[in-house]
N, C-alpha and C. Protein backbone atom coordinates (compact mmCIF):
# COMPACT_ATOMS: atom_id res chain seq x y z
N UNK A 1 0.82 -1.15 -0.01
CA UNK A 1 -0.01 -0.01 -0.06
C UNK A 1 0.87 1.27 0.02
N UNK A 2 0.29 2.35 -0.38
CA UNK A 2 0.89 3.66 -0.45
C UNK A 2 2.24 3.66 -1.29
N UNK A 3 2.18 2.98 -2.38
CA UNK A 3 3.41 3.02 -3.23
C UNK A 3 3.11 3.13 -4.73
N UNK A 4 1.85 2.71 -5.18
CA UNK A 4 1.60 2.69 -6.59
C UNK A 4 1.50 4.12 -7.07
N UNK A 5 1.14 5.07 -6.22
CA UNK A 5 1.06 6.46 -6.60
C UNK A 5 2.43 7.05 -6.92
N UNK A 6 3.52 6.33 -6.82
CA UNK A 6 4.83 6.88 -7.26
C UNK A 6 5.14 6.46 -8.73
N UNK A 7 4.25 5.59 -9.32
CA UNK A 7 4.44 5.16 -10.64
C UNK A 7 3.74 6.15 -11.70
N UNK A 8 4.35 6.24 -12.88
CA UNK A 8 3.56 6.95 -13.92
C UNK A 8 2.39 6.12 -14.32
N UNK A 9 1.41 6.78 -14.95
CA UNK A 9 0.11 6.11 -15.31
C UNK A 9 0.33 4.87 -16.08
N UNK A 10 1.20 4.85 -17.14
CA UNK A 10 1.45 3.67 -17.89
C UNK A 10 1.97 2.58 -17.04
N UNK A 11 2.85 2.87 -16.13
CA UNK A 11 3.49 1.87 -15.19
C UNK A 11 2.34 1.37 -14.26
N UNK A 12 1.50 2.13 -13.82
CA UNK A 12 0.34 1.67 -12.97
C UNK A 12 -0.44 0.64 -13.70
N UNK A 13 -0.78 1.02 -14.99
CA UNK A 13 -1.54 0.06 -15.72
C UNK A 13 -0.80 -1.26 -15.98
N UNK A 14 0.46 -1.24 -16.23
CA UNK A 14 1.27 -2.42 -16.44
C UNK A 14 1.24 -3.20 -15.11
N UNK A 15 1.36 -2.46 -13.95
CA UNK A 15 1.44 -3.20 -12.71
C UNK A 15 0.03 -3.95 -12.47
N UNK A 16 -1.04 -3.30 -12.80
CA UNK A 16 -2.31 -3.90 -12.66
C UNK A 16 -2.37 -5.16 -13.59
N UNK A 17 -1.86 -5.09 -14.70
CA UNK A 17 -1.82 -6.37 -15.62
C UNK A 17 -1.00 -7.45 -15.01
N UNK A 18 0.16 -7.02 -14.37
CA UNK A 18 1.02 -8.03 -13.79
C UNK A 18 0.36 -8.71 -12.56
N UNK A 19 -0.33 -7.85 -11.65
CA UNK A 19 -1.03 -8.42 -10.58
C UNK A 19 -2.17 -9.35 -11.06
N UNK A 20 -2.86 -8.93 -12.06
CA UNK A 20 -3.95 -9.76 -12.61
C UNK A 20 -3.40 -11.11 -13.03
N UNK A 21 -2.27 -11.11 -13.78
CA UNK A 21 -1.67 -12.33 -14.29
C UNK A 21 -1.19 -13.21 -13.09
N UNK A 22 -0.69 -12.59 -12.01
CA UNK A 22 -0.18 -13.31 -10.98
C UNK A 22 -1.21 -14.01 -10.00
N UNK A 23 -2.41 -13.38 -10.01
CA UNK A 23 -3.47 -13.94 -9.10
C UNK A 23 -4.19 -15.06 -9.75
N UNK A 24 -4.57 -16.05 -8.79
CA UNK A 24 -5.35 -17.13 -9.24
C UNK A 24 -6.75 -16.70 -9.47
N UNK A 25 -7.58 -17.41 -10.29
CA UNK A 25 -8.96 -17.10 -10.48
C UNK A 25 -9.68 -16.97 -9.10
N UNK A 26 -10.43 -15.89 -8.92
CA UNK A 26 -11.08 -15.64 -7.65
C UNK A 26 -10.16 -14.84 -6.64
N UNK A 27 -8.93 -14.61 -7.12
CA UNK A 27 -8.04 -13.78 -6.20
C UNK A 27 -8.47 -12.38 -6.12
N UNK A 28 -8.04 -11.75 -5.06
CA UNK A 28 -8.48 -10.37 -4.77
C UNK A 28 -7.26 -9.46 -4.73
N UNK A 29 -7.34 -8.31 -5.38
CA UNK A 29 -6.35 -7.24 -5.28
C UNK A 29 -6.95 -6.17 -4.40
N UNK A 30 -6.21 -5.90 -3.27
CA UNK A 30 -6.69 -4.90 -2.33
C UNK A 30 -5.47 -3.97 -2.06
N UNK A 31 -5.64 -2.69 -2.20
CA UNK A 31 -4.65 -1.81 -2.09
C UNK A 31 -5.10 -0.40 -1.54
N UNK A 32 -4.32 0.12 -0.62
CA UNK A 32 -4.55 1.50 -0.10
C UNK A 32 -3.53 2.45 -0.72
N UNK A 33 -4.00 3.51 -1.33
CA UNK A 33 -3.13 4.39 -2.03
C UNK A 33 -3.68 5.76 -2.18
N UNK A 34 -2.81 6.74 -2.53
CA UNK A 34 -3.17 8.19 -2.74
C UNK A 34 -3.88 8.23 -4.07
N UNK A 35 -4.76 9.17 -4.21
CA UNK A 35 -5.44 9.46 -5.42
C UNK A 35 -5.52 10.92 -5.64
N UNK A 36 -5.64 11.34 -6.88
CA UNK A 36 -5.61 12.73 -7.27
C UNK A 36 -7.04 13.28 -7.11
N UNK A 37 -7.15 14.48 -6.63
CA UNK A 37 -8.54 15.08 -6.56
C UNK A 37 -9.09 15.22 -7.88
N UNK A 38 -10.46 15.09 -8.05
CA UNK A 38 -11.05 15.12 -9.35
C UNK A 38 -11.10 16.52 -10.03
N UNK A 39 -10.84 17.55 -9.18
CA UNK A 39 -10.78 18.92 -9.73
C UNK A 39 -9.65 19.62 -9.05
N UNK A 40 -9.13 20.67 -9.64
CA UNK A 40 -8.01 21.41 -8.81
C UNK A 40 -8.51 21.90 -7.51
N UNK A 41 -9.79 22.32 -7.44
CA UNK A 41 -10.29 22.87 -6.08
C UNK A 41 -10.37 21.74 -5.07
N UNK A 42 -10.89 20.55 -5.50
CA UNK A 42 -10.98 19.45 -4.53
C UNK A 42 -9.64 18.94 -4.20
N UNK A 43 -8.72 18.91 -5.13
CA UNK A 43 -7.37 18.43 -4.82
C UNK A 43 -6.71 19.38 -3.78
N UNK A 44 -6.86 20.68 -3.97
CA UNK A 44 -6.40 21.66 -2.99
C UNK A 44 -7.06 21.47 -1.55
N UNK A 45 -8.30 21.21 -1.66
CA UNK A 45 -9.10 20.95 -0.37
C UNK A 45 -8.49 19.76 0.34
N UNK A 46 -8.23 18.59 -0.40
CA UNK A 46 -7.69 17.45 0.22
C UNK A 46 -6.33 17.82 0.88
N UNK A 47 -5.47 18.54 0.19
CA UNK A 47 -4.17 18.84 0.77
C UNK A 47 -4.34 19.80 2.07
N UNK A 48 -5.22 20.75 1.95
CA UNK A 48 -5.52 21.61 3.10
C UNK A 48 -5.97 20.75 4.35
N UNK A 49 -6.77 19.80 4.09
CA UNK A 49 -7.27 18.95 5.21
C UNK A 49 -6.18 18.15 5.75
N UNK A 50 -5.35 17.56 4.88
CA UNK A 50 -4.17 16.70 5.26
C UNK A 50 -3.18 17.69 6.13
N UNK A 51 -2.91 18.93 5.68
CA UNK A 51 -1.99 19.70 6.42
C UNK A 51 -2.54 20.01 7.81
N UNK A 52 -3.88 20.27 7.87
CA UNK A 52 -4.56 20.64 9.09
C UNK A 52 -4.42 19.45 10.01
N UNK A 53 -4.64 18.28 9.61
CA UNK A 53 -4.51 17.05 10.49
C UNK A 53 -3.12 16.84 10.98
N UNK A 54 -2.16 16.99 10.07
CA UNK A 54 -0.75 16.80 10.35
C UNK A 54 -0.34 17.81 11.41
N UNK A 55 -0.70 19.00 11.24
CA UNK A 55 -0.32 20.13 12.18
C UNK A 55 -0.97 19.93 13.56
N UNK A 56 -2.20 19.39 13.58
CA UNK A 56 -2.91 19.15 14.81
C UNK A 56 -2.17 18.02 15.62
N UNK A 57 -1.44 17.22 14.89
CA UNK A 57 -0.72 16.02 15.63
C UNK A 57 0.55 16.59 16.23
N UNK A 58 0.92 17.83 15.99
CA UNK A 58 2.06 18.43 16.57
C UNK A 58 3.39 18.16 15.95
N UNK A 59 3.33 17.76 14.65
CA UNK A 59 4.64 17.49 13.96
C UNK A 59 5.39 18.86 13.76
N UNK A 60 6.71 18.80 13.88
CA UNK A 60 7.46 20.04 13.58
C UNK A 60 7.26 20.46 12.15
N UNK A 61 7.20 21.81 12.02
CA UNK A 61 6.96 22.32 10.59
C UNK A 61 8.10 21.94 9.63
N UNK A 62 9.27 21.78 10.10
CA UNK A 62 10.35 21.43 9.26
C UNK A 62 10.06 19.93 8.64
N UNK A 63 9.53 19.06 9.56
CA UNK A 63 9.20 17.71 9.07
C UNK A 63 8.04 17.75 8.07
N UNK A 64 7.08 18.59 8.25
CA UNK A 64 5.95 18.76 7.42
C UNK A 64 6.37 19.24 6.04
N UNK A 65 7.29 20.21 6.02
CA UNK A 65 7.76 20.74 4.80
C UNK A 65 8.63 19.77 4.06
N UNK A 66 9.45 18.87 4.77
CA UNK A 66 10.07 17.84 4.04
C UNK A 66 9.20 16.88 3.41
N UNK A 67 8.12 16.55 4.09
CA UNK A 67 7.05 15.57 3.60
C UNK A 67 6.43 16.15 2.38
N UNK A 68 6.14 17.46 2.32
CA UNK A 68 5.51 18.10 1.19
C UNK A 68 6.62 18.09 0.04
N UNK A 69 7.83 18.37 0.31
CA UNK A 69 8.80 18.31 -0.79
C UNK A 69 8.94 16.92 -1.38
N UNK A 70 8.97 15.88 -0.52
CA UNK A 70 9.01 14.49 -0.99
C UNK A 70 7.83 14.14 -1.93
N UNK A 71 6.68 14.60 -1.44
CA UNK A 71 5.45 14.35 -2.14
C UNK A 71 5.46 15.06 -3.55
N UNK A 72 5.91 16.27 -3.57
CA UNK A 72 5.99 17.01 -4.82
C UNK A 72 7.02 16.40 -5.81
N UNK A 73 7.98 15.81 -5.22
CA UNK A 73 9.07 15.21 -6.01
C UNK A 73 8.66 13.82 -6.60
N UNK A 74 8.09 13.08 -5.72
CA UNK A 74 7.87 11.61 -6.09
C UNK A 74 6.44 11.15 -6.41
N UNK A 75 5.46 11.86 -5.95
CA UNK A 75 4.09 11.47 -6.17
C UNK A 75 3.64 11.70 -7.60
N UNK A 76 2.92 10.63 -8.11
CA UNK A 76 2.38 10.69 -9.45
C UNK A 76 0.93 10.16 -9.34
N UNK A 77 0.10 10.89 -8.62
CA UNK A 77 -1.26 10.42 -8.33
C UNK A 77 -2.05 10.44 -9.64
N UNK A 78 -2.98 9.42 -9.66
CA UNK A 78 -4.03 9.42 -10.79
C UNK A 78 -5.38 9.53 -10.16
N UNK A 79 -6.32 9.86 -11.03
CA UNK A 79 -7.73 9.99 -10.58
C UNK A 79 -8.25 8.63 -10.16
N UNK A 80 -9.09 8.68 -9.13
CA UNK A 80 -9.81 7.46 -8.72
C UNK A 80 -10.51 6.78 -9.84
N UNK A 81 -11.31 7.50 -10.64
CA UNK A 81 -12.07 6.91 -11.73
C UNK A 81 -11.18 6.35 -12.75
N UNK A 82 -10.05 7.00 -13.05
CA UNK A 82 -9.14 6.30 -14.02
C UNK A 82 -8.55 5.02 -13.55
N UNK A 83 -8.14 4.97 -12.23
CA UNK A 83 -7.54 3.70 -11.79
C UNK A 83 -8.63 2.64 -11.71
N UNK A 84 -9.82 2.91 -11.34
CA UNK A 84 -10.94 1.87 -11.34
C UNK A 84 -11.08 1.41 -12.75
N UNK A 85 -11.13 2.34 -13.76
CA UNK A 85 -11.31 1.91 -15.16
C UNK A 85 -10.12 1.01 -15.59
N UNK A 86 -8.87 1.40 -15.23
CA UNK A 86 -7.70 0.58 -15.66
C UNK A 86 -7.81 -0.85 -15.08
N UNK A 87 -8.29 -0.97 -13.84
CA UNK A 87 -8.44 -2.37 -13.22
C UNK A 87 -9.49 -3.05 -14.08
N UNK A 88 -10.61 -2.49 -14.29
CA UNK A 88 -11.73 -3.18 -15.04
C UNK A 88 -11.18 -3.53 -16.46
N UNK A 89 -10.49 -2.59 -17.15
CA UNK A 89 -9.92 -2.88 -18.49
C UNK A 89 -8.97 -4.09 -18.43
N UNK A 90 -8.27 -4.22 -17.33
CA UNK A 90 -7.34 -5.35 -17.22
C UNK A 90 -8.08 -6.66 -17.18
N UNK A 91 -9.33 -6.68 -16.75
CA UNK A 91 -10.07 -7.85 -16.63
C UNK A 91 -10.70 -8.15 -15.29
N UNK A 92 -10.32 -7.30 -14.32
CA UNK A 92 -10.87 -7.40 -12.94
C UNK A 92 -12.34 -7.22 -12.98
N UNK A 93 -13.12 -7.83 -12.04
CA UNK A 93 -14.54 -7.60 -11.85
C UNK A 93 -14.65 -7.12 -10.39
N UNK A 94 -15.92 -6.74 -10.03
CA UNK A 94 -16.13 -6.30 -8.69
C UNK A 94 -15.12 -5.18 -8.30
N UNK A 95 -14.84 -4.31 -9.30
CA UNK A 95 -13.90 -3.18 -9.06
C UNK A 95 -14.61 -2.09 -8.36
N UNK A 96 -13.91 -1.58 -7.21
CA UNK A 96 -14.54 -0.51 -6.46
C UNK A 96 -13.60 0.11 -5.59
N UNK A 97 -13.96 1.22 -5.08
CA UNK A 97 -13.22 1.95 -3.99
C UNK A 97 -14.03 1.70 -2.74
N UNK A 98 -13.47 0.90 -1.82
CA UNK A 98 -14.27 0.52 -0.70
C UNK A 98 -14.34 1.60 0.40
N UNK A 99 -13.37 2.47 0.43
CA UNK A 99 -13.22 3.49 1.45
C UNK A 99 -12.46 4.68 0.74
N UNK A 100 -12.82 5.91 1.04
CA UNK A 100 -12.11 7.04 0.66
C UNK A 100 -12.18 8.08 1.64
N UNK A 101 -11.03 8.67 1.92
CA UNK A 101 -10.92 9.92 2.81
C UNK A 101 -10.01 10.87 2.06
N UNK A 102 -10.58 11.88 1.55
CA UNK A 102 -9.80 12.89 0.82
C UNK A 102 -8.96 12.21 -0.18
N UNK A 103 -7.58 12.21 -0.12
CA UNK A 103 -6.78 11.60 -1.21
C UNK A 103 -6.32 10.27 -0.91
N UNK A 104 -6.95 9.55 -0.02
CA UNK A 104 -6.59 8.11 0.33
C UNK A 104 -7.67 7.20 -0.03
N UNK A 105 -7.51 6.21 -0.82
CA UNK A 105 -8.65 5.36 -1.19
C UNK A 105 -8.20 3.82 -1.10
N UNK A 106 -9.18 3.06 -0.79
CA UNK A 106 -8.97 1.61 -0.69
C UNK A 106 -9.54 0.90 -1.98
N UNK A 107 -8.63 0.50 -2.78
CA UNK A 107 -9.06 -0.14 -4.07
C UNK A 107 -9.32 -1.71 -3.88
N UNK A 108 -10.31 -2.14 -4.54
CA UNK A 108 -10.72 -3.58 -4.40
C UNK A 108 -11.06 -4.06 -5.82
N UNK A 109 -10.48 -5.17 -6.18
CA UNK A 109 -10.83 -5.82 -7.48
C UNK A 109 -10.62 -7.35 -7.38
N UNK A 110 -11.44 -8.06 -8.14
CA UNK A 110 -11.46 -9.49 -8.04
C UNK A 110 -11.09 -10.04 -9.44
N UNK A 111 -10.21 -11.01 -9.50
CA UNK A 111 -9.93 -11.69 -10.78
C UNK A 111 -11.10 -12.72 -10.85
N UNK A 112 -11.80 -12.80 -12.02
CA UNK A 112 -12.95 -13.67 -12.11
C UNK A 112 -12.56 -15.12 -12.10
N UNK A 113 -13.48 -15.95 -11.86
CA UNK A 113 -13.21 -17.39 -11.72
C UNK A 113 -12.68 -17.92 -13.06
N UNK A 114 -13.27 -17.33 -14.17
CA UNK A 114 -12.79 -17.64 -15.48
C UNK A 114 -12.14 -16.31 -16.01
N UNK A 115 -10.81 -16.39 -16.30
CA UNK A 115 -10.15 -15.11 -16.76
C UNK A 115 -10.77 -14.54 -17.98
N UNK A 116 -10.94 -13.18 -17.97
CA UNK A 116 -11.48 -12.45 -19.08
C UNK A 116 -10.43 -11.71 -19.87
N UNK A 117 -9.19 -11.65 -19.35
CA UNK A 117 -8.20 -10.91 -20.07
C UNK A 117 -6.90 -11.70 -20.20
């Protein structure tokens, strides 16, 4: 969890194909990861909420700024809808986001008993 968002979109799609191929029929892909806000305003809102929560926990501002810098350097978030579509296009069924809080989502997908891709 919390690593696929470091990949470029094409690499995410390739990873989903490799996971699909590795799973047995009926196998489940479950992942927690960051997602891009669907609009610039919502994406900004998600970040504002994250910063508010982090600051409430009392983390030093230098540590918060280092985290922001790492995220700006390494994060390659994709839209929730795009990622769900990529999973379905790969052949997964029962594709859904089971839980979402701002820019964190829990992805769920099942490889069908009879492979479709």
